[in-house]
Protein backbone atom coordinates (compact mmCIF):
# COMPACT_ATOMS: atom_id res chain seq x y z
CA MET A 1 0.00 0.00 0.00
CA PHE A 2 3.05 2.27 0.47
CA ASN A 3 3.49 2.51 -3.33
CA THR A 4 -0.13 3.59 -3.61
CA PHE A 5 0.22 6.46 -1.16
CA LYS A 6 3.54 7.49 -2.68
CA ALA A 7 1.87 7.59 -6.09
CA LEU A 8 -0.99 9.68 -4.70
CA SER A 9 1.37 12.17 -3.06
CA ASP A 10 2.22 14.00 -6.29
CA PRO A 11 -0.06 16.68 -7.79
CA THR A 12 0.84 15.69 -11.37
CA ARG A 13 -0.19 12.09 -10.75
CA ILE A 14 -3.42 13.23 -9.11
CA LYS A 15 -4.21 15.31 -12.20
CA ILE A 16 -3.47 12.31 -14.43
CA LEU A 17 -5.96 10.24 -12.41
CA GLU A 18 -8.52 13.02 -12.74
CA LEU A 19 -8.04 13.04 -16.52
CA LEU A 20 -8.43 9.27 -16.70
CA LYS A 21 -11.67 9.26 -14.72
CA HIS A 22 -13.37 10.62 -17.86
CA LYS A 23 -11.87 8.24 -20.45
CA SER A 24 -8.81 6.16 -21.24
CA MET A 25 -6.03 8.12 -22.91
CA THR A 26 -2.65 7.64 -24.55
CA ALA A 27 0.51 9.10 -23.02
CA GLY A 28 0.52 11.72 -25.76
CA GLU A 29 -3.06 12.77 -24.98
CA ILE A 30 -2.20 12.99 -21.28
CA ALA A 31 0.96 14.99 -22.02
CA GLU A 32 -1.10 17.64 -23.83
CA HIS A 33 -2.48 18.70 -20.44
CA PHE A 34 0.93 19.38 -18.91
CA ASP A 35 3.88 21.65 -19.53
CA MET A 36 6.50 18.92 -19.29
CA LYS A 37 8.35 16.55 -21.57
CA LYS A 38 6.87 13.17 -22.51
CA PRO A 39 9.55 11.17 -20.64
CA SER A 40 8.41 12.88 -17.42
CA ILE A 41 4.80 11.92 -18.13
CA SER A 42 5.93 8.34 -18.82
CA HIS A 43 7.70 8.31 -15.45
CA HIS A 44 4.50 9.40 -13.68
CA LEU A 45 2.49 6.79 -15.60
CA SER A 46 4.98 4.13 -14.56
CA ILE A 47 4.61 5.04 -10.88
CA LEU A 48 0.82 4.98 -11.15
CA SER A 49 0.97 1.64 -12.94
CA HIS A 50 3.28 0.07 -10.34
CA ALA A 51 0.84 1.23 -7.66
CA ASN A 52 -2.00 -0.50 -9.59
CA LEU A 53 -3.89 2.78 -9.86
CA ILE A 54 -3.95 2.57 -13.65
CA TYR A 55 -3.51 -0.15 -16.21
CA SER A 56 -2.38 -0.05 -19.79
CA GLU A 57 -3.63 -1.76 -22.92
CA LYS A 58 -1.92 -1.77 -26.27
CA ARG A 59 -4.34 -0.91 -29.07
CA GLY A 60 -2.64 -0.90 -32.45
CA GLN A 61 0.45 1.25 -32.17
CA TYR A 62 -0.72 3.12 -29.06
CA VAL A 63 -0.87 2.27 -25.38
CA HIS A 64 -4.05 3.44 -23.68
CA TYR A 65 -4.10 4.12 -19.95
CA THR A 66 -7.22 3.50 -17.89
CA LEU A 67 -8.11 4.16 -14.27
CA ASN A 68 -8.16 1.04 -12.10
CA MET A 69 -11.44 1.61 -10.30
CA THR A 70 -11.11 -1.62 -8.32
CA MET A 71 -7.94 -0.37 -6.62
CA LEU A 72 -9.49 3.04 -5.91
CA GLN A 73 -12.54 1.35 -4.38
CA GLU A 74 -10.28 -0.77 -2.17
CA ILE A 75 -8.45 2.34 -0.98
CA MET A 76 -11.73 4.06 -0.17
CA LYS A 77 -12.99 0.98 1.67
CA TRP A 78 -9.80 0.88 3.74
CA ILE A 79 -10.01 4.60 4.52
CA MET A 80 -13.62 4.21 5.63
CA THR A 81 -12.50 1.76 8.32
CA PHE A 82 -11.14 4.78 10.18
CA GLN A 83 -14.53 6.51 10.26
CA ASN A 84 -16.05 6.69 13.73
CA ASN A 85 -19.37 4.94 14.11
């Protein structure tokens, strides 16, 4: 779970997750929303992928990134265990 919280600690990665909640996107499409080089975006995508927050699927010559809703639901379920009854 440490990787998950590390991945969520960066504002760029949070914005990537927010973009992916609307639709799956390629790295190039994601990069259009940031003022940084594509290798930096790829680094952020790698961290999110290793934390199981996103997954990738090759479609033709492009890799599409999609939000892993199952992992996000598990995080929310775990966080809710701290709620007072």
